[in-house]
Amino acid sequence: MIAVRRGASQRAVARRFGVGLGTVQRALERAGDHRVDRVDWTDRSHRPHRSGRTAAGLETHILELRQALKATSALGEYGAAAIARELDAEGQHAPALRTINRVLARKGAFDGRQRIRRPAPPPGWYLPRVTAGLVELDSWDFVEGLILQGGPEVEVLNVIALHSGVIGSWPDLPYTAVRTLQVMFRHWQEVGLPEFAQFDNDTRFQGAHQHADVVSRVMRLCLHLGVTPVFTVPREHGFQNRLENFNGRWQTKVWARFHHESLAALQTRSHAYVQASRGRLAPHMDASPNRRPVPAGFALDLQAPLHGQMIFLRRTSDTGTVELLQHRFPVDATWPHRLVRCEVDLDAHCIRFYRLRRRAPDEQPLANEVSYQLPARRFKE
């Protein structure tokens, strides 16, 4: 301020003190012709000196008029225009129609109901122990339809852990069920076993769909390792969102970022990306649920008896039934077209059906329990 009054340019002063030209100009405008030491430099509120809000008594009267008109009006009109006419008839100054509507909206007096946007349920909400952070869940999926220039078609098997964020990615030639099982086993040998492994309904995970009571080799690997396989609802999104996000991220950061001369080059770049991602997530991984080590000397016996549980997320039909393992089971006739968690207990020889609601993820009551025993037959290798 003093420098400007002594003849320095406003721009020079702004550069000298590291402020904008507008700041200098506002200071000059506030000071006017007063001495610098007599200017009130304190910030002033931008709130208007007078409030334009409708008086509380008038707001109450507007609500009373609306209720009275709704009950007694011969025309059946009780909107803002009708309320304004009544106020004029009473000799009061009626606010603008927009003001009346704001009062009604603020007091929740409108007949129409606005859509309530409820918060999304927590990840893994359909498995209570996962939601509570007590156990880990690994989600598996394939990325298909990738073709190297002048080379073969490539598929990628991806996995991501729900709590720790541990990822894995294995680009290779089109996968078989045997190859899928081998990759899963090596991954779990490296990072440890989760409590749950989640899949979509791909036949390499779930087995053939044309036969009943099929337990695939991937499912058998999970059961023999004490991991509960979980299968999501067919043709519905949302349950694999975290994994789908990782699939897209891998395609952006690895597949589309480079020109890959060969499958080996793609595998090298994918491995480097996975290791870098795990390094960044290391502190978070330490705070995640513990993972069990793979038993020493474990060898998969596809013919061994099965124990444990398999979980299928399904949506009921219009009659409250679900299709599971190529059978149709009754759940609840009063629960049509709704989500259920189907727990196939291989030891208790039963299937338990639990109601699921995204709106109330903590409420998962038992809807029904039916007897079921997996047929004792040899697995066709």
Protein backbone atom coordinates (compact mmCIF):
# COMPACT_ATOMS: atom_id res chain seq x y z
CA MET A 1 0.00 0.00 0.00
CA ILE A 2 2.71 2.45 1.02
CA ALA A 3 4.83 1.48 -2.00
CA VAL A 4 1.96 2.20 -4.41
CA ARG A 5 1.34 5.59 -2.82
CA ARG A 6 5.02 6.38 -3.23
CA GLY A 7 4.73 5.81 -6.98
CA ALA A 8 5.42 2.09 -7.54
CA SER A 9 3.16 0.35 -10.04
CA GLN A 10 0.51 -2.06 -8.76
CA ARG A 11 1.95 -4.92 -10.81
CA ALA A 12 5.44 -4.35 -9.40
CA VAL A 13 4.08 -4.43 -5.85
CA ALA A 14 2.13 -7.62 -6.59
CA ARG A 15 5.31 -9.30 -7.92
CA ARG A 16 7.37 -8.08 -4.98
CA PHE A 17 5.03 -9.53 -2.35
CA GLY A 18 4.03 -12.62 -4.32
CA VAL A 19 0.31 -11.84 -4.53
CA GLY A 20 -2.11 -11.32 -7.37
CA LEU A 21 -2.86 -7.98 -8.92
CA GLY A 22 -6.46 -8.25 -7.76
CA THR A 23 -5.31 -8.51 -4.12
CA VAL A 24 -3.42 -5.23 -4.40
CA GLN A 25 -6.37 -3.53 -6.07
CA ARG A 26 -8.83 -4.70 -3.41
CA ALA A 27 -6.48 -3.42 -0.67
CA LEU A 28 -6.29 -0.01 -2.34
CA GLU A 29 -10.06 0.11 -2.68
CA ARG A 30 -10.57 -0.76 1.00
CA ALA A 31 -7.98 1.82 2.16
CA GLY A 32 -9.31 4.67 0.04
CA ASP A 33 -7.82 7.97 1.22
CA HIS A 34 -7.32 6.84 4.83
CA ARG A 35 -3.99 6.39 6.56
CA VAL A 36 -2.78 2.79 6.40
CA ASP A 37 -2.72 2.42 10.20
CA ARG A 38 -6.38 3.51 10.43
CA VAL A 39 -7.83 1.08 7.89
CA ASP A 40 -9.89 -1.85 9.22
CA TRP A 41 -8.20 -4.82 7.55
CA THR A 42 -10.27 -7.52 9.28
CA ASP A 43 -12.24 -9.80 6.96
CA ARG A 44 -15.94 -9.17 6.81
CA SER A 45 -18.70 -11.74 6.42
CA HIS A 46 -20.32 -12.07 3.01
CA ARG A 47 -23.64 -12.90 4.67
CA PRO A 48 -26.36 -10.41 3.70
CA HIS A 49 -27.29 -7.88 6.36
CA ARG A 50 -30.95 -8.87 6.06
CA SER A 51 -32.19 -12.46 5.79
CA GLY A 52 -34.85 -13.20 3.18
CA ARG A 53 -36.10 -16.40 4.81
CA THR A 54 -39.84 -16.65 5.29
CA ALA A 55 -41.00 -16.01 8.83
CA ALA A 56 -41.62 -19.12 10.91
CA GLY A 57 -45.22 -18.11 11.59
CA LEU A 58 -45.95 -17.71 7.89
CA GLU A 59 -44.37 -21.09 7.10
CA THR A 60 -46.64 -22.75 9.68
CA HIS A 61 -49.67 -21.00 8.22
CA ILE A 62 -48.75 -22.12 4.70
CA LEU A 63 -48.66 -25.75 5.90
CA GLU A 64 -52.03 -25.33 7.66
CA LEU A 65 -53.59 -23.85 4.54
CA ARG A 66 -52.31 -26.72 2.42
CA GLN A 67 -53.81 -29.30 4.77
CA ALA A 68 -57.11 -27.45 4.92
CA LEU A 69 -57.34 -27.03 1.15
CA LYS A 70 -56.46 -30.68 0.59
CA ALA A 71 -59.33 -31.73 2.85
CA THR A 72 -62.01 -29.15 1.94
CA SER A 73 -61.27 -27.45 -1.40
CA ALA A 74 -64.16 -27.86 -3.81
CA LEU A 75 -61.70 -27.67 -6.70
CA GLY A 76 -59.36 -30.20 -5.11
CA GLU A 77 -56.47 -27.76 -5.55
CA TYR A 78 -53.96 -27.30 -2.74
CA GLY A 79 -50.74 -26.36 -4.50
CA ALA A 80 -48.71 -23.15 -4.27
CA ALA A 81 -51.12 -21.16 -6.47
CA ALA A 82 -54.14 -22.17 -4.36
CA ILE A 83 -52.29 -21.31 -1.13
CA ALA A 84 -51.30 -17.89 -2.56
CA ARG A 85 -54.96 -17.17 -3.42
CA GLU A 86 -56.04 -18.02 0.13
CA LEU A 87 -53.38 -15.75 1.61
CA ASP A 88 -54.52 -12.88 -0.64
CA ALA A 89 -58.13 -13.53 0.38
CA GLU A 90 -57.09 -13.25 4.02
CA GLY A 91 -55.49 -9.90 3.32
CA GLN A 92 -51.92 -11.15 3.79
CA HIS A 93 -49.08 -10.54 1.39
CA ALA A 94 -48.53 -13.86 -0.36
CA PRO A 95 -44.92 -14.86 -1.07
CA ALA A 96 -43.91 -15.87 -4.58
CA LEU A 97 -45.06 -19.30 -5.73
CA ARG A 98 -41.45 -20.48 -5.79
CA THR A 99 -41.05 -19.42 -2.15
CA ILE A 100 -44.20 -21.33 -1.16
CA ASN A 101 -42.92 -24.44 -2.92
CA ARG A 102 -39.57 -24.13 -1.13
CA VAL A 103 -41.38 -23.95 2.21
CA LEU A 104 -43.42 -27.06 1.38
CA ALA A 105 -40.33 -28.94 0.23
CA ARG A 106 -38.35 -27.93 3.33
CA LYS A 107 -41.16 -29.19 5.57
CA GLY A 108 -41.56 -32.46 3.62
CA ALA A 109 -45.18 -31.67 2.74
CA PHE A 110 -45.20 -32.81 -0.90
CA ASP A 111 -47.22 -35.89 -1.79
CA GLY A 112 -44.58 -37.21 -4.17
CA ARG A 113 -41.74 -39.23 -2.75
CA GLN A 114 -38.25 -38.63 -4.03
CA ARG A 115 -35.99 -41.56 -4.68
CA ILE A 116 -33.91 -42.39 -1.63
CA ARG A 117 -30.31 -43.14 -2.56
CA ARG A 118 -29.14 -45.59 0.04
CA PRO A 119 -25.44 -46.29 0.56
CA ALA A 120 -24.04 -49.36 -1.16
CA PRO A 121 -23.53 -52.39 1.07
CA PRO A 122 -19.94 -53.12 2.13
CA PRO A 123 -17.83 -55.38 -0.12
CA GLY A 124 -18.54 -59.05 0.49
CA TRP A 125 -21.74 -58.14 2.37
CA TYR A 126 -23.34 -61.50 1.49
CA LEU A 127 -20.71 -63.35 3.56
CA PRO A 128 -20.91 -62.03 7.15
CA ARG A 129 -17.45 -63.18 8.26
CA VAL A 130 -15.88 -61.52 5.23
CA THR A 131 -17.73 -58.26 5.87
CA ALA A 132 -16.57 -58.29 9.49
CA GLY A 133 -12.94 -58.48 8.29
CA LEU A 134 -12.33 -61.82 10.00
CA VAL A 135 -11.45 -63.84 6.89
CA GLU A 136 -10.20 -63.24 3.37
CA LEU A 137 -11.91 -63.77 0.02
CA ASP A 138 -10.10 -64.27 -3.30
CA SER A 139 -12.00 -63.44 -6.51
CA TRP A 140 -10.98 -65.19 -9.74
CA ASP A 141 -11.87 -64.41 -13.35
CA PHE A 142 -10.67 -64.66 -16.95
CA VAL A 143 -9.93 -61.86 -19.40
CA GLU A 144 -10.63 -63.27 -22.85
CA GLY A 145 -10.38 -62.19 -26.48
CA LEU A 146 -6.83 -60.78 -26.45
CA ILE A 147 -4.83 -61.50 -29.60
CA LEU A 148 -1.12 -60.82 -30.08
CA GLN A 149 -0.16 -59.28 -33.40
CA GLY A 150 0.61 -62.14 -35.73
CA GLY A 151 0.33 -64.54 -32.82
CA PRO A 152 -2.15 -66.66 -30.91
CA GLU A 153 -5.19 -65.74 -28.83
CA VAL A 154 -4.33 -64.98 -25.22
CA GLU A 155 -6.36 -65.34 -22.04
CA VAL A 156 -5.48 -63.92 -18.64
CA LEU A 157 -6.39 -65.50 -15.32
CA ASN A 158 -6.67 -62.76 -12.69
CA VAL A 159 -7.19 -62.84 -8.93
CA ILE A 160 -7.58 -60.15 -6.28
CA ALA A 161 -8.05 -60.46 -2.53
CA LEU A 162 -10.89 -58.43 -1.05
CA HIS A 163 -9.18 -57.08 2.09
CA SER A 164 -5.45 -57.13 1.37
CA GLY A 165 -5.68 -56.33 -2.33
CA VAL A 166 -3.15 -59.07 -3.20
CA ILE A 167 -3.33 -59.55 -6.96
CA GLY A 168 -2.13 -62.14 -9.42
CA SER A 169 -2.22 -62.19 -13.22
CA TRP A 170 -1.18 -64.96 -15.60
CA PRO A 171 -1.42 -64.33 -19.36
CA ASP A 172 -1.25 -67.58 -21.31
CA LEU A 173 -2.76 -69.53 -24.16
CA PRO A 174 -6.48 -70.32 -23.72
CA TYR A 175 -6.96 -71.97 -20.36
CA THR A 176 -8.28 -75.42 -19.57
CA ALA A 177 -9.66 -76.49 -16.21
CA VAL A 178 -6.43 -78.37 -15.49
CA ARG A 179 -4.27 -75.35 -16.24
CA THR A 180 -6.57 -73.13 -14.13
CA LEU A 181 -6.20 -75.47 -11.17
CA GLN A 182 -2.41 -75.49 -11.47
CA VAL A 183 -2.18 -71.69 -11.46
CA MET A 184 -4.53 -71.37 -8.48
CA PHE A 185 -2.57 -73.90 -6.45
CA ARG A 186 0.79 -72.21 -7.13
CA HIS A 187 -0.66 -68.82 -6.19
CA TRP A 188 -1.97 -70.13 -2.88
CA GLN A 189 1.35 -71.81 -2.18
CA GLU A 190 2.95 -68.38 -2.54
CA VAL A 191 0.51 -66.16 -0.62
CA GLY A 192 -1.47 -68.60 1.55
CA LEU A 193 -5.05 -69.84 1.58
CA PRO A 194 -8.13 -67.61 1.94
CA GLU A 195 -11.33 -68.69 3.65
CA PHE A 196 -13.41 -68.17 0.48
CA ALA A 197 -12.68 -68.30 -3.25
CA GLN A 198 -15.22 -66.58 -5.48
CA PHE A 199 -15.90 -67.36 -9.15
CA ASP A 200 -18.39 -66.67 -11.88
CA ASN A 201 -20.16 -69.60 -13.53
CA ASP A 202 -17.51 -70.36 -16.18
CA THR A 203 -17.33 -74.10 -16.81
CA ARG A 204 -13.60 -74.12 -16.04
CA PHE A 205 -14.51 -73.10 -12.51
CA GLN A 206 -17.89 -74.75 -12.00
CA GLY A 207 -17.76 -77.71 -14.36
CA ALA A 208 -20.15 -78.81 -17.08
CA HIS A 209 -23.64 -77.32 -16.86
CA GLN A 210 -25.47 -80.09 -18.72
CA HIS A 211 -25.12 -82.63 -15.91
CA ALA A 212 -26.54 -82.59 -12.38
CA ASP A 213 -24.51 -82.67 -9.16
CA VAL A 214 -21.23 -81.71 -10.83
CA VAL A 215 -18.33 -80.77 -8.57
CA SER A 216 -15.47 -79.59 -10.77
CA ARG A 217 -11.77 -80.15 -10.18
CA VAL A 218 -11.38 -76.49 -9.16
CA MET A 219 -14.15 -76.91 -6.58
CA ARG A 220 -12.53 -80.12 -5.35
CA LEU A 221 -9.19 -78.36 -4.95
CA CYS A 222 -10.90 -75.69 -2.82
CA LEU A 223 -12.75 -78.22 -0.67
CA HIS A 224 -9.69 -80.39 -0.04
CA LEU A 225 -7.72 -77.28 1.00
CA GLY A 226 -10.47 -76.09 3.34
CA VAL A 227 -11.43 -73.16 1.08
CA THR A 228 -15.15 -72.55 0.52
CA PRO A 229 -15.97 -71.96 -3.18
CA VAL A 230 -18.50 -69.20 -3.84
CA PHE A 231 -20.31 -68.80 -7.18
CA THR A 232 -21.96 -65.50 -8.08
CA VAL A 233 -25.42 -64.97 -9.56
CA PRO A 234 -25.44 -65.81 -13.29
CA ARG A 235 -25.70 -62.83 -15.63
CA GLU A 236 -25.68 -60.24 -12.83
CA HIS A 237 -23.07 -57.60 -12.14
CA GLY A 238 -21.87 -56.23 -8.85
CA PHE A 239 -20.51 -59.24 -6.99
CA GLN A 240 -17.24 -59.17 -8.95
CA ASN A 241 -16.89 -55.39 -9.21
CA ARG A 242 -13.51 -55.26 -7.49
CA LEU A 243 -12.15 -57.91 -9.81
CA GLU A 244 -13.68 -56.32 -12.91
CA ASN A 245 -11.96 -53.09 -11.92
CA PHE A 246 -8.65 -54.92 -11.70
CA ASN A 247 -9.27 -56.58 -15.08
CA GLY A 248 -9.72 -53.17 -16.66
CA ARG A 249 -6.69 -51.76 -14.86
CA TRP A 250 -4.51 -54.65 -16.06
CA GLN A 251 -5.61 -54.12 -19.65
CA THR A 252 -4.81 -50.40 -19.40
CA LYS A 253 -1.48 -50.65 -17.57
CA VAL A 254 -0.09 -53.78 -19.23
CA TRP A 255 -1.92 -54.90 -22.35
CA ALA A 256 -2.64 -51.56 -24.03
CA ARG A 257 0.45 -49.75 -22.80
CA PHE A 258 3.08 -51.72 -24.71
CA HIS A 259 3.55 -53.54 -27.97
CA HIS A 260 4.16 -57.16 -27.03
CA GLU A 261 6.49 -59.03 -29.35
CA SER A 262 5.57 -62.42 -27.92
CA LEU A 263 3.63 -64.18 -25.21
CA ALA A 264 6.80 -64.39 -23.12
CA ALA A 265 7.24 -60.60 -23.32
CA LEU A 266 3.64 -60.09 -22.20
CA GLN A 267 4.13 -62.47 -19.28
CA THR A 268 7.30 -60.63 -18.22
CA ARG A 269 5.58 -57.24 -18.22
CA SER A 270 2.55 -58.62 -16.40
CA HIS A 271 4.76 -60.17 -13.72
CA ALA A 272 6.59 -56.85 -13.22
CA TYR A 273 3.28 -55.03 -12.84
CA VAL A 274 2.01 -57.54 -10.28
CA GLN A 275 5.20 -57.33 -8.21
CA ALA A 276 5.16 -53.52 -8.27
CA SER A 277 1.51 -53.48 -7.19
CA ARG A 278 2.16 -55.88 -4.33
CA GLY A 279 5.09 -53.78 -3.17
CA ARG A 280 2.91 -50.68 -2.97
CA LEU A 281 0.22 -52.56 -1.04
CA ALA A 282 2.62 -54.20 1.43
CA PRO A 283 1.60 -52.07 4.48
CA HIS A 284 -2.07 -52.71 3.78
CA MET A 285 -1.48 -56.43 3.32
CA ASP A 286 -0.01 -56.71 6.83
CA ALA A 287 -3.28 -55.46 8.35
CA SER A 288 -5.50 -57.90 6.43
CA PRO A 289 -6.89 -61.22 7.76
CA ASN A 290 -4.37 -64.03 8.12
CA ARG A 291 -4.08 -66.63 5.40
CA ARG A 292 -3.38 -70.30 6.13
CA PRO A 293 -0.37 -72.02 4.54
CA VAL A 294 -0.96 -74.85 2.08
CA PRO A 295 -0.39 -78.14 3.96
CA ALA A 296 3.08 -79.56 3.39
CA GLY A 297 3.15 -82.38 0.89
CA PHE A 298 -0.43 -81.74 -0.26
CA ALA A 299 -1.44 -83.70 -3.36
CA LEU A 300 -4.91 -83.35 -4.87
CA ASP A 301 -6.90 -86.59 -4.99
CA LEU A 302 -9.88 -86.00 -7.24
CA GLN A 303 -11.52 -89.23 -6.07
CA ALA A 304 -11.35 -88.48 -2.32
CA PRO A 305 -14.63 -87.87 -0.44
CA LEU A 306 -15.70 -84.25 -0.26
CA HIS A 307 -16.22 -82.28 2.95
CA GLY A 308 -17.05 -78.71 3.79
CA GLN A 309 -19.40 -76.25 2.12
CA MET A 310 -20.09 -74.82 -1.32
CA ILE A 311 -21.94 -71.51 -1.63
CA PHE A 312 -24.06 -70.39 -4.58
CA LEU A 313 -25.57 -66.91 -4.81
CA ARG A 314 -28.83 -67.14 -6.71
CA ARG A 315 -31.99 -65.20 -7.47
CA THR A 316 -35.31 -66.88 -6.89
CA SER A 317 -37.93 -67.41 -9.59
CA ASP A 318 -41.43 -65.95 -9.62
CA THR A 319 -42.53 -68.91 -7.48
CA GLY A 320 -39.69 -68.55 -4.97
CA THR A 321 -37.50 -71.43 -6.19
CA VAL A 322 -33.85 -71.56 -7.26
CA GLU A 323 -31.95 -73.67 -9.77
CA LEU A 324 -28.85 -75.20 -8.24
CA LEU A 325 -26.60 -78.05 -9.35
CA GLN A 326 -29.13 -78.62 -12.15
CA HIS A 327 -31.92 -79.20 -9.61
CA ARG A 328 -34.77 -76.91 -8.60
CA PHE A 329 -35.24 -76.33 -4.89
CA PRO A 330 -38.03 -74.48 -3.04
CA VAL A 331 -36.91 -71.47 -1.02
CA ASP A 332 -39.84 -69.24 -0.10
CA ALA A 333 -42.97 -68.44 -2.11
CA THR A 334 -43.07 -65.00 -0.46
CA TRP A 335 -39.53 -64.19 -1.66
CA PRO A 336 -39.86 -64.09 -5.49
CA HIS A 337 -37.13 -62.62 -7.70
CA ARG A 338 -34.93 -61.97 -4.68
CA LEU A 339 -31.34 -62.80 -3.77
CA VAL A 340 -30.49 -65.81 -1.63
CA ARG A 341 -27.29 -67.42 -0.39
CA CYS A 342 -27.42 -71.19 -0.87
CA GLU A 343 -25.05 -73.09 1.42
CA VAL A 344 -24.52 -76.69 0.35
CA ASP A 345 -23.33 -78.49 3.50
CA LEU A 346 -21.65 -81.70 2.35
CA ASP A 347 -21.22 -83.00 5.91
CA ALA A 348 -24.75 -82.29 7.17
CA HIS A 349 -26.26 -83.37 3.81
CA CYS A 350 -28.47 -80.33 3.45
CA ILE A 351 -28.79 -76.98 1.69
CA ARG A 352 -29.61 -73.85 3.68
CA PHE A 353 -31.11 -70.83 1.95
CA TYR A 354 -30.61 -67.37 3.45
CA ARG A 355 -32.42 -64.23 2.35
CA LEU A 356 -30.22 -61.38 1.13
CA ARG A 357 -31.12 -57.70 0.81
CA ARG A 358 -28.66 -55.00 -0.23
CA ARG A 359 -30.82 -52.49 1.63
CA ALA A 360 -30.32 -54.39 4.89
CA PRO A 361 -27.06 -56.33 4.50
CA ASP A 362 -26.93 -57.25 8.21
CA GLU A 363 -30.25 -59.09 8.04
CA GLN A 364 -29.78 -62.54 6.48
CA PRO A 365 -32.44 -64.83 8.00
CA LEU A 366 -32.74 -68.51 7.16
CA ALA A 367 -35.54 -68.95 4.63
CA ASN A 368 -35.52 -72.73 4.20
CA GLU A 369 -33.47 -75.89 4.65
CA VAL A 370 -33.77 -78.96 2.44
CA SER A 371 -32.09 -82.35 2.50
CA TYR A 372 -29.45 -82.94 -0.16
CA GLN A 373 -26.75 -85.54 -0.54
CA LEU A 374 -24.15 -85.44 -3.25
CA PRO A 375 -24.19 -88.73 -5.21
CA ALA A 376 -21.19 -90.97 -4.49
CA ARG A 377 -19.70 -91.47 -7.92
CA ARG A 378 -16.24 -91.45 -9.43
CA PHE A 379 -14.90 -88.19 -10.82
CA LYS A 380 -14.20 -88.46 -14.52
CA GLU A 381 -10.67 -87.16 -15.02
